[in-house]
């Protein structure tokens, strides 16, 4: 694994703690690391977070919206087959549809793939219809999400940090 910035146990601990709660005060992180690993000042935590941000390992903090509580109960995935000469225009038009919350350029059957959030099937149909009317869109195919079984990027992060911790210990002859 090639990292642009080599993290150590302290960096990984900071990442884990901020990942659990991005609003954890640096004073609390400093206190916890000082107890668990070695003494660490609040200023050092701040400097390390800035370095992690500059290396784009940490990219802001996120607010997670409960769309179901706002009346949006349907998630759908829409594959879009399009004229590749119109892709820039199509992407710009798709950005204007607020129900599209993610858009990917893909290989395979479709040029683009998006995730939409809608109130109900009728609302989803309206969104998909808007997509189909965009100049250059040749065809769409939608799939309704019945259940979200895994939505946890922390699973990957935990694995990456664990592997990095193991390789760091081997490299530095720690047990």
N, C-alpha and C. Protein backbone atom coordinates (compact mmCIF):
# COMPACT_ATOMS: atom_id res chain seq x y z
N UNK A 1 0.85 -1.18 0.00
CA UNK A 1 0.00 0.00 0.00
C UNK A 1 0.90 1.24 0.00
N UNK A 2 0.65 2.14 -0.91
CA UNK A 2 1.42 3.37 -1.00
C UNK A 2 0.58 4.50 -0.42
N UNK A 3 1.10 5.12 0.62
CA UNK A 3 0.42 6.26 1.22
C UNK A 3 1.25 7.50 0.92
N UNK A 4 0.57 8.59 0.58
CA UNK A 4 1.30 9.84 0.33
C UNK A 4 1.84 10.42 1.64
N UNK A 5 1.25 10.03 2.72
CA UNK A 5 1.64 10.51 4.03
C UNK A 5 1.69 9.28 4.92
N UNK A 6 2.83 9.00 5.51
CA UNK A 6 2.95 7.82 6.36
C UNK A 6 2.40 8.11 7.74
N UNK A 7 1.30 7.45 8.06
CA UNK A 7 0.70 7.63 9.37
C UNK A 7 1.37 6.71 10.37
N UNK A 8 1.28 7.10 11.63
CA UNK A 8 1.80 6.25 12.70
C UNK A 8 0.66 5.93 13.66
N UNK A 9 0.98 5.30 14.77
CA UNK A 9 -0.04 4.88 15.73
C UNK A 9 -0.83 6.08 16.27
N UNK A 10 -0.15 7.19 16.48
CA UNK A 10 -0.83 8.38 17.00
C UNK A 10 -1.79 8.94 15.96
N UNK A 11 -1.33 9.08 14.71
CA UNK A 11 -2.21 9.54 13.63
C UNK A 11 -3.43 8.64 13.51
N UNK A 12 -3.19 7.32 13.51
CA UNK A 12 -4.29 6.37 13.37
C UNK A 12 -5.27 6.47 14.53
N UNK A 13 -4.77 6.73 15.73
CA UNK A 13 -5.64 6.89 16.89
C UNK A 13 -6.47 8.17 16.74
N UNK A 14 -5.85 9.24 16.28
CA UNK A 14 -6.58 10.50 16.04
C UNK A 14 -7.68 10.25 15.00
N UNK A 15 -7.34 9.57 13.92
CA UNK A 15 -8.32 9.28 12.86
C UNK A 15 -9.48 8.47 13.43
N UNK A 16 -9.17 7.43 14.21
CA UNK A 16 -10.23 6.59 14.79
C UNK A 16 -11.15 7.41 15.70
N UNK A 17 -10.58 8.25 16.53
CA UNK A 17 -11.38 9.02 17.48
C UNK A 17 -12.25 10.06 16.75
N UNK A 18 -11.70 10.71 15.76
CA UNK A 18 -12.49 11.68 14.99
C UNK A 18 -13.53 10.98 14.13
N UNK A 19 -13.23 9.77 13.70
CA UNK A 19 -14.19 9.02 12.89
C UNK A 19 -15.40 8.61 13.73
N UNK A 20 -15.18 8.31 14.99
CA UNK A 20 -16.28 7.96 15.89
C UNK A 20 -17.13 9.20 16.16
N UNK A 21 -16.47 10.32 16.40
CA UNK A 21 -17.18 11.58 16.65
C UNK A 21 -16.30 12.73 16.17
N UNK A 22 -16.64 13.29 15.01
CA UNK A 22 -15.84 14.34 14.39
C UNK A 22 -15.79 15.62 15.23
N UNK A 23 -16.69 15.71 16.22
CA UNK A 23 -16.70 16.92 17.07
C UNK A 23 -15.93 16.73 18.38
N UNK A 24 -15.18 15.64 18.49
CA UNK A 24 -14.39 15.42 19.70
C UNK A 24 -13.36 16.54 19.82
N UNK A 25 -13.34 17.24 20.96
CA UNK A 25 -12.36 18.33 21.13
C UNK A 25 -10.92 17.79 21.13
N UNK A 26 -10.01 18.57 20.60
CA UNK A 26 -8.62 18.16 20.56
C UNK A 26 -8.08 17.94 21.97
N UNK A 27 -8.61 18.68 22.94
CA UNK A 27 -8.17 18.49 24.33
C UNK A 27 -8.50 17.07 24.80
N UNK A 28 -9.67 16.57 24.43
CA UNK A 28 -10.08 15.22 24.80
C UNK A 28 -9.20 14.18 24.09
N UNK A 29 -8.93 14.40 22.82
CA UNK A 29 -8.07 13.47 22.07
C UNK A 29 -6.67 13.46 22.69
N UNK A 30 -6.15 14.64 23.01
CA UNK A 30 -4.83 14.75 23.64
C UNK A 30 -4.79 13.97 24.95
N UNK A 31 -5.83 14.13 25.76
CA UNK A 31 -5.91 13.43 27.05
C UNK A 31 -5.91 11.92 26.85
N UNK A 32 -6.74 11.45 25.92
CA UNK A 32 -6.86 10.00 25.69
C UNK A 32 -5.57 9.40 25.14
N UNK A 33 -4.94 10.08 24.19
CA UNK A 33 -3.68 9.57 23.63
C UNK A 33 -2.59 9.60 24.69
N UNK A 34 -2.57 10.63 25.52
CA UNK A 34 -1.58 10.72 26.59
C UNK A 34 -1.71 9.55 27.55
N UNK A 35 -2.93 9.09 27.79
CA UNK A 35 -3.16 7.95 28.68
C UNK A 35 -2.88 6.62 27.99
N UNK A 36 -3.23 6.52 26.71
CA UNK A 36 -3.14 5.24 26.00
C UNK A 36 -1.78 4.97 25.36
N UNK A 37 -1.10 6.01 24.87
CA UNK A 37 0.13 5.78 24.10
C UNK A 37 1.33 6.49 24.73
N UNK A 38 1.29 7.82 24.67
CA UNK A 38 2.37 8.64 25.25
C UNK A 38 1.87 10.07 25.37
N UNK A 39 2.52 10.88 26.19
CA UNK A 39 2.07 12.27 26.36
C UNK A 39 2.04 13.00 25.02
N UNK A 40 0.94 13.75 24.83
CA UNK A 40 0.75 14.46 23.58
C UNK A 40 -0.01 15.75 23.87
N UNK A 41 0.52 16.87 23.43
CA UNK A 41 -0.12 18.16 23.69
C UNK A 41 -1.28 18.41 22.72
N UNK A 42 -2.14 19.32 23.12
CA UNK A 42 -3.27 19.71 22.27
C UNK A 42 -2.75 20.31 20.96
N UNK A 43 -1.69 21.11 21.06
CA UNK A 43 -1.10 21.71 19.87
C UNK A 43 -0.60 20.67 18.88
N UNK A 44 -0.02 19.60 19.40
CA UNK A 44 0.47 18.53 18.53
C UNK A 44 -0.69 17.82 17.84
N UNK A 45 -1.79 17.62 18.57
CA UNK A 45 -2.98 17.02 17.95
C UNK A 45 -3.44 17.91 16.80
N UNK A 46 -3.52 19.22 17.05
CA UNK A 46 -3.95 20.17 16.03
C UNK A 46 -3.04 20.10 14.79
N UNK A 47 -1.73 20.10 15.01
CA UNK A 47 -0.77 20.05 13.90
C UNK A 47 -0.93 18.75 13.12
N UNK A 48 -1.10 17.63 13.84
CA UNK A 48 -1.25 16.34 13.16
C UNK A 48 -2.55 16.29 12.34
N UNK A 49 -3.63 16.84 12.88
CA UNK A 49 -4.90 16.87 12.14
C UNK A 49 -4.72 17.70 10.87
N UNK A 50 -4.06 18.84 10.98
CA UNK A 50 -3.82 19.69 9.80
C UNK A 50 -3.01 18.93 8.75
N UNK A 51 -1.98 18.19 9.18
CA UNK A 51 -1.17 17.40 8.23
C UNK A 51 -2.03 16.32 7.57
N UNK A 52 -2.90 15.67 8.36
CA UNK A 52 -3.79 14.65 7.81
C UNK A 52 -4.78 15.26 6.82
N UNK A 53 -5.22 16.48 7.09
CA UNK A 53 -6.11 17.18 6.16
C UNK A 53 -5.36 17.57 4.89
N UNK A 54 -4.15 18.08 5.04
CA UNK A 54 -3.35 18.47 3.86
C UNK A 54 -3.02 17.26 2.98
N UNK A 55 -2.87 16.09 3.60
CA UNK A 55 -2.60 14.86 2.85
C UNK A 55 -3.89 14.24 2.32
N UNK A 56 -5.02 14.89 2.61
CA UNK A 56 -6.36 14.45 2.19
C UNK A 56 -6.74 13.08 2.75
N UNK A 57 -6.14 12.73 3.89
CA UNK A 57 -6.56 11.52 4.60
C UNK A 57 -7.84 11.84 5.37
N UNK A 58 -7.88 13.04 5.93
CA UNK A 58 -9.10 13.55 6.56
C UNK A 58 -9.65 14.61 5.62
N UNK A 59 -10.93 14.47 5.25
CA UNK A 59 -11.57 15.44 4.36
C UNK A 59 -12.82 15.97 5.04
N UNK A 60 -12.64 16.98 5.88
CA UNK A 60 -13.78 17.61 6.54
C UNK A 60 -14.46 16.70 7.54
N UNK A 61 -15.62 17.12 7.98
CA UNK A 61 -16.46 16.30 8.86
C UNK A 61 -17.86 16.31 8.25
N UNK A 62 -18.61 15.27 8.53
CA UNK A 62 -19.88 15.08 7.83
C UNK A 62 -21.06 15.07 8.77
N UNK A 63 -22.12 15.69 8.34
CA UNK A 63 -23.40 15.64 9.01
C UNK A 63 -24.23 14.61 8.27
N UNK A 64 -24.79 13.65 8.98
CA UNK A 64 -25.58 12.60 8.32
C UNK A 64 -27.06 12.92 8.51
N UNK A 65 -27.76 13.06 7.40
CA UNK A 65 -29.18 13.43 7.42
C UNK A 65 -30.04 12.18 7.42
N UNK A 66 -31.04 12.15 8.25
CA UNK A 66 -32.02 11.06 8.27
C UNK A 66 -33.16 11.38 7.33
N UNK A 67 -32.99 11.08 6.05
CA UNK A 67 -33.99 11.44 5.05
C UNK A 67 -35.34 10.80 5.31
N UNK A 68 -35.36 9.61 5.90
CA UNK A 68 -36.64 8.97 6.21
C UNK A 68 -37.46 9.83 7.16
N UNK A 69 -36.79 10.46 8.11
CA UNK A 69 -37.48 11.34 9.05
C UNK A 69 -38.05 12.58 8.36
N UNK A 70 -37.51 12.89 7.20
CA UNK A 70 -37.99 14.04 6.42
C UNK A 70 -39.01 13.63 5.36
N UNK A 71 -39.39 12.35 5.37
CA UNK A 71 -40.42 11.88 4.44
C UNK A 71 -39.89 11.27 3.15
N UNK A 72 -38.59 11.07 3.05
CA UNK A 72 -38.00 10.48 1.85
C UNK A 72 -37.65 9.03 2.16
N UNK A 73 -38.51 8.13 1.72
CA UNK A 73 -38.42 6.72 2.12
C UNK A 73 -37.88 5.80 1.03
N UNK A 74 -37.62 6.31 -0.16
CA UNK A 74 -37.24 5.44 -1.27
C UNK A 74 -35.86 5.79 -1.80
N UNK A 75 -35.04 4.77 -1.94
CA UNK A 75 -33.73 4.91 -2.58
C UNK A 75 -33.77 4.09 -3.86
N UNK A 76 -33.28 4.68 -4.93
CA UNK A 76 -33.21 3.96 -6.20
C UNK A 76 -31.85 4.22 -6.84
N UNK A 77 -31.42 3.26 -7.62
CA UNK A 77 -30.20 3.38 -8.39
C UNK A 77 -30.62 3.43 -9.85
N UNK A 78 -30.03 4.37 -10.58
CA UNK A 78 -30.43 4.55 -11.98
C UNK A 78 -29.18 4.47 -12.86
N UNK A 79 -29.19 3.48 -13.76
CA UNK A 79 -28.15 3.37 -14.77
C UNK A 79 -28.56 4.22 -15.96
N UNK A 80 -27.63 4.99 -16.47
CA UNK A 80 -27.93 5.90 -17.58
C UNK A 80 -27.01 5.57 -18.76
N UNK A 81 -27.62 5.17 -19.86
CA UNK A 81 -26.88 4.97 -21.10
C UNK A 81 -27.00 6.28 -21.87
N UNK A 82 -25.86 6.83 -22.25
CA UNK A 82 -25.91 8.14 -22.90
C UNK A 82 -24.97 8.22 -24.08
N UNK A 83 -25.20 9.24 -24.88
CA UNK A 83 -24.32 9.58 -25.97
C UNK A 83 -23.07 10.18 -25.33
N UNK A 84 -21.93 9.53 -25.49
CA UNK A 84 -20.72 9.99 -24.80
C UNK A 84 -20.30 11.40 -25.22
N UNK A 85 -20.71 11.84 -26.41
CA UNK A 85 -20.37 13.20 -26.85
C UNK A 85 -21.13 14.25 -26.04
N UNK A 86 -22.19 13.84 -25.39
CA UNK A 86 -23.02 14.77 -24.61
C UNK A 86 -22.76 14.65 -23.10
N UNK A 87 -21.74 13.89 -22.69
CA UNK A 87 -21.58 13.56 -21.28
C UNK A 87 -21.41 14.79 -20.38
N UNK A 88 -20.68 15.78 -20.83
CA UNK A 88 -20.49 16.99 -20.01
C UNK A 88 -21.82 17.70 -19.77
N UNK A 89 -22.60 17.86 -20.82
CA UNK A 89 -23.91 18.49 -20.73
C UNK A 89 -24.84 17.67 -19.83
N UNK A 90 -24.81 16.36 -20.00
CA UNK A 90 -25.68 15.48 -19.21
C UNK A 90 -25.34 15.60 -17.72
N UNK A 91 -24.05 15.58 -17.40
CA UNK A 91 -23.64 15.72 -15.99
C UNK A 91 -24.12 17.05 -15.41
N UNK A 92 -24.00 18.11 -16.19
CA UNK A 92 -24.45 19.43 -15.72
C UNK A 92 -25.96 19.43 -15.47
N UNK A 93 -26.72 18.80 -16.36
CA UNK A 93 -28.18 18.73 -16.20
C UNK A 93 -28.56 17.86 -15.00
N UNK A 94 -27.84 16.77 -14.80
CA UNK A 94 -28.12 15.88 -13.66
C UNK A 94 -27.86 16.59 -12.33
N UNK A 95 -26.86 17.47 -12.30
CA UNK A 95 -26.56 18.24 -11.09
C UNK A 95 -27.73 19.14 -10.68
N UNK A 96 -28.59 19.47 -11.62
CA UNK A 96 -29.74 20.34 -11.35
C UNK A 96 -30.90 19.59 -10.69
N UNK A 97 -30.83 18.27 -10.65
CA UNK A 97 -31.92 17.47 -10.05
C UNK A 97 -31.52 17.14 -8.61
N UNK A 98 -32.14 17.79 -7.63
CA UNK A 98 -31.69 17.65 -6.24
C UNK A 98 -31.84 16.25 -5.66
N UNK A 99 -32.73 15.44 -6.20
CA UNK A 99 -32.92 14.09 -5.67
C UNK A 99 -31.75 13.16 -6.00
N UNK A 100 -30.91 13.56 -6.96
CA UNK A 100 -29.72 12.77 -7.28
C UNK A 100 -28.66 13.14 -6.26
N UNK A 101 -28.33 12.18 -5.40
CA UNK A 101 -27.39 12.47 -4.31
C UNK A 101 -25.99 11.94 -4.59
N UNK A 102 -25.86 11.04 -5.55
CA UNK A 102 -24.55 10.55 -5.97
C UNK A 102 -24.60 10.28 -7.47
N UNK A 103 -23.48 10.57 -8.13
CA UNK A 103 -23.38 10.32 -9.57
C UNK A 103 -21.99 9.80 -9.85
N UNK A 104 -21.92 8.71 -10.60
CA UNK A 104 -20.65 8.08 -10.93
C UNK A 104 -20.55 7.91 -12.44
N UNK A 105 -19.35 8.10 -12.98
CA UNK A 105 -19.05 7.73 -14.35
C UNK A 105 -18.60 6.27 -14.26
N UNK A 106 -19.20 5.40 -15.06
CA UNK A 106 -18.95 3.98 -14.91
C UNK A 106 -18.57 3.32 -16.23
N UNK A 107 -18.04 2.13 -16.11
CA UNK A 107 -17.82 1.29 -17.28
C UNK A 107 -18.90 0.22 -17.26
N UNK A 108 -19.02 -0.50 -18.33
CA UNK A 108 -20.03 -1.55 -18.38
C UNK A 108 -21.25 -1.12 -19.16
N UNK A 109 -22.39 -1.61 -18.72
CA UNK A 109 -23.65 -1.41 -19.44
C UNK A 109 -24.05 0.07 -19.54
N UNK A 110 -23.72 0.86 -18.52
CA UNK A 110 -24.13 2.27 -18.49
C UNK A 110 -22.93 3.18 -18.37
N UNK A 111 -23.04 4.38 -18.95
CA UNK A 111 -21.99 5.39 -18.86
C UNK A 111 -21.99 6.06 -17.49
N UNK A 112 -23.20 6.23 -16.94
CA UNK A 112 -23.37 6.92 -15.66
C UNK A 112 -24.26 6.08 -14.76
N UNK A 113 -24.05 6.23 -13.48
CA UNK A 113 -24.88 5.53 -12.51
C UNK A 113 -25.12 6.49 -11.36
N UNK A 114 -26.38 6.62 -10.96
CA UNK A 114 -26.67 7.56 -9.88
C UNK A 114 -27.55 6.92 -8.81
N UNK A 115 -27.49 7.51 -7.65
CA UNK A 115 -28.36 7.11 -6.54
C UNK A 115 -29.31 8.27 -6.29
N UNK A 116 -30.59 7.95 -6.23
CA UNK A 116 -31.57 9.00 -5.96
C UNK A 116 -32.30 8.68 -4.66
N UNK A 117 -32.77 9.73 -4.02
CA UNK A 117 -33.61 9.59 -2.83
C UNK A 117 -34.93 10.29 -3.16
N UNK A 118 -36.04 9.57 -2.94
CA UNK A 118 -37.36 10.11 -3.29
C UNK A 118 -38.34 9.83 -2.16
N UNK A 119 -39.45 10.56 -2.18
CA UNK A 119 -40.49 10.37 -1.16
C UNK A 119 -41.18 9.02 -1.29
N UNK A 120 -41.50 8.65 -2.54
CA UNK A 120 -42.29 7.44 -2.80
C UNK A 120 -42.09 7.04 -4.26
N UNK A 121 -42.69 5.95 -4.70
CA UNK A 121 -42.50 5.52 -6.11
C UNK A 121 -42.90 6.58 -7.14
N UNK A 122 -43.94 7.33 -6.86
CA UNK A 122 -44.37 8.37 -7.80
C UNK A 122 -43.31 9.46 -7.93
N UNK A 123 -42.76 9.86 -6.82
CA UNK A 123 -41.69 10.86 -6.81
C UNK A 123 -40.46 10.32 -7.56
N UNK A 124 -40.12 9.06 -7.33
CA UNK A 124 -38.98 8.44 -8.03
C UNK A 124 -39.23 8.41 -9.53
N UNK A 125 -40.45 8.07 -9.93
CA UNK A 125 -40.80 8.04 -11.35
C UNK A 125 -40.61 9.41 -11.98
N UNK A 126 -40.99 10.47 -11.27
CA UNK A 126 -40.81 11.83 -11.79
C UNK A 126 -39.33 12.17 -11.97
N UNK A 127 -38.52 11.77 -11.00
CA UNK A 127 -37.08 12.04 -11.10
C UNK A 127 -36.49 11.28 -12.28
N UNK A 128 -36.84 10.00 -12.42
CA UNK A 128 -36.32 9.17 -13.51
C UNK A 128 -36.79 9.71 -14.86
N UNK A 129 -38.00 10.22 -14.89
CA UNK A 129 -38.53 10.83 -16.12
C UNK A 129 -37.72 12.07 -16.50
N UNK A 130 -37.37 12.90 -15.51
CA UNK A 130 -36.53 14.08 -15.77
C UNK A 130 -35.19 13.66 -16.34
N UNK A 131 -34.62 12.60 -15.78
CA UNK A 131 -33.33 12.11 -16.28
C UNK A 131 -33.47 11.69 -17.74
N UNK A 132 -34.52 10.95 -18.05
CA UNK A 132 -34.75 10.45 -19.41
C UNK A 132 -34.95 11.53 -20.44
N UNK A 133 -35.39 12.71 -20.02
CA UNK A 133 -35.66 13.81 -20.94
C UNK A 133 -34.42 14.65 -21.26
N UNK A 134 -33.33 14.39 -20.57
CA UNK A 134 -32.10 15.17 -20.81
C UNK A 134 -31.53 14.80 -22.18
N UNK A 135 -31.16 15.83 -22.94
CA UNK A 135 -30.59 15.63 -24.27
C UNK A 135 -29.33 14.77 -24.16
N UNK A 136 -29.30 13.70 -24.95
CA UNK A 136 -28.15 12.80 -24.96
C UNK A 136 -28.35 11.53 -24.15
N UNK A 137 -29.39 11.51 -23.29
CA UNK A 137 -29.70 10.29 -22.55
C UNK A 137 -30.46 9.36 -23.49
N UNK A 138 -29.91 8.18 -23.70
CA UNK A 138 -30.52 7.23 -24.62
C UNK A 138 -31.50 6.30 -23.91
N UNK A 139 -31.14 5.92 -22.67
CA UNK A 139 -31.98 4.98 -21.94
C UNK A 139 -31.61 5.00 -20.47
N UNK A 140 -32.58 4.70 -19.62
CA UNK A 140 -32.31 4.55 -18.19
C UNK A 140 -32.85 3.20 -17.73
N UNK A 141 -32.26 2.70 -16.68
CA UNK A 141 -32.77 1.50 -16.03
C UNK A 141 -32.64 1.72 -14.54
N UNK A 142 -33.74 1.53 -13.83
CA UNK A 142 -33.72 1.81 -12.40
C UNK A 142 -33.90 0.54 -11.58
N UNK A 143 -33.34 0.58 -10.40
CA UNK A 143 -33.45 -0.50 -9.43
C UNK A 143 -33.83 0.12 -8.10
N UNK A 144 -34.90 -0.37 -7.51
CA UNK A 144 -35.36 0.15 -6.22
C UNK A 144 -34.64 -0.60 -5.11
N UNK A 145 -34.17 0.14 -4.14
CA UNK A 145 -33.51 -0.45 -2.97
C UNK A 145 -34.59 -0.93 -1.99
N UNK A 146 -34.55 -2.20 -1.67
CA UNK A 146 -35.52 -2.76 -0.72
C UNK A 146 -35.03 -2.64 0.72
N UNK A 147 -33.74 -2.74 0.91
CA UNK A 147 -33.16 -2.67 2.26
C UNK A 147 -31.69 -2.29 2.14
N UNK A 148 -31.26 -1.42 3.01
CA UNK A 148 -29.84 -1.08 3.06
C UNK A 148 -29.20 -1.97 4.12
N UNK A 149 -28.42 -2.94 3.68
CA UNK A 149 -27.86 -3.93 4.60
C UNK A 149 -26.52 -3.50 5.19
N UNK A 150 -25.70 -2.83 4.40
CA UNK A 150 -24.40 -2.34 4.88
C UNK A 150 -24.27 -0.90 4.42
N UNK A 151 -24.03 -0.02 5.36
CA UNK A 151 -23.71 1.37 5.05
C UNK A 151 -22.72 1.81 6.12
N UNK A 152 -21.47 1.41 5.94
CA UNK A 152 -20.51 1.66 6.98
C UNK A 152 -19.11 1.69 6.39
N UNK A 153 -18.66 2.87 6.01
CA UNK A 153 -17.31 3.01 5.48
C UNK A 153 -16.27 2.79 6.57
N UNK A 154 -16.70 2.83 7.83
CA UNK A 154 -15.77 2.59 8.93
C UNK A 154 -15.20 1.18 8.87
N UNK A 155 -15.93 0.24 8.27
CA UNK A 155 -15.43 -1.13 8.14
C UNK A 155 -14.13 -1.14 7.36
N UNK A 156 -14.08 -0.40 6.27
CA UNK A 156 -12.87 -0.32 5.45
C UNK A 156 -11.77 0.41 6.20
N UNK A 157 -12.11 1.53 6.83
CA UNK A 157 -11.12 2.31 7.56
C UNK A 157 -10.48 1.47 8.66
N UNK A 158 -11.28 0.73 9.42
CA UNK A 158 -10.74 -0.11 10.49
C UNK A 158 -9.75 -1.12 9.93
N UNK A 159 -10.09 -1.72 8.79
CA UNK A 159 -9.21 -2.70 8.16
C UNK A 159 -7.90 -2.05 7.71
N UNK A 160 -7.99 -0.88 7.08
CA UNK A 160 -6.79 -0.18 6.61
C UNK A 160 -5.89 0.18 7.78
N UNK A 161 -6.48 0.74 8.84
CA UNK A 161 -5.68 1.15 10.00
C UNK A 161 -5.05 -0.06 10.69
N UNK A 162 -5.77 -1.16 10.77
CA UNK A 162 -5.24 -2.37 11.40
C UNK A 162 -4.06 -2.92 10.60
N UNK A 163 -4.20 -2.97 9.27
CA UNK A 163 -3.10 -3.46 8.43
C UNK A 163 -1.89 -2.53 8.54
N UNK A 164 -2.16 -1.21 8.58
CA UNK A 164 -1.08 -0.24 8.68
C UNK A 164 -0.38 -0.37 10.02
N UNK A 165 -1.15 -0.60 11.08
CA UNK A 165 -0.59 -0.76 12.43
C UNK A 165 0.32 -1.98 12.47
N UNK A 166 -0.13 -3.08 11.87
CA UNK A 166 0.65 -4.31 11.83
C UNK A 166 1.95 -4.11 11.06
N UNK A 167 1.88 -3.48 9.88
CA UNK A 167 3.09 -3.27 9.08
C UNK A 167 4.03 -2.28 9.76
N UNK A 168 3.48 -1.27 10.46
CA UNK A 168 4.30 -0.29 11.18
C UNK A 168 5.07 -0.98 12.30
N UNK A 169 4.38 -1.89 13.03
CA UNK A 169 5.03 -2.61 14.13
C UNK A 169 6.14 -3.51 13.61
N UNK A 170 5.89 -4.20 12.49
CA UNK A 170 6.92 -5.07 11.90
C UNK A 170 8.13 -4.25 11.46
N UNK A 171 7.85 -3.13 10.81
CA UNK A 171 8.92 -2.27 10.28
C UNK A 171 9.79 -1.72 11.41
N UNK A 172 9.16 -1.42 12.56
CA UNK A 172 9.88 -0.82 13.67
C UNK A 172 10.20 -1.84 14.79
N UNK A 173 10.02 -3.12 14.49
CA UNK A 173 10.29 -4.21 15.43
C UNK A 173 9.57 -4.08 16.76
N UNK A 174 8.28 -3.69 16.71
CA UNK A 174 7.44 -3.64 17.91
C UNK A 174 6.70 -4.96 18.03
N UNK A 175 6.31 -5.31 19.23
CA UNK A 175 5.53 -6.51 19.44
C UNK A 175 4.13 -6.19 19.83
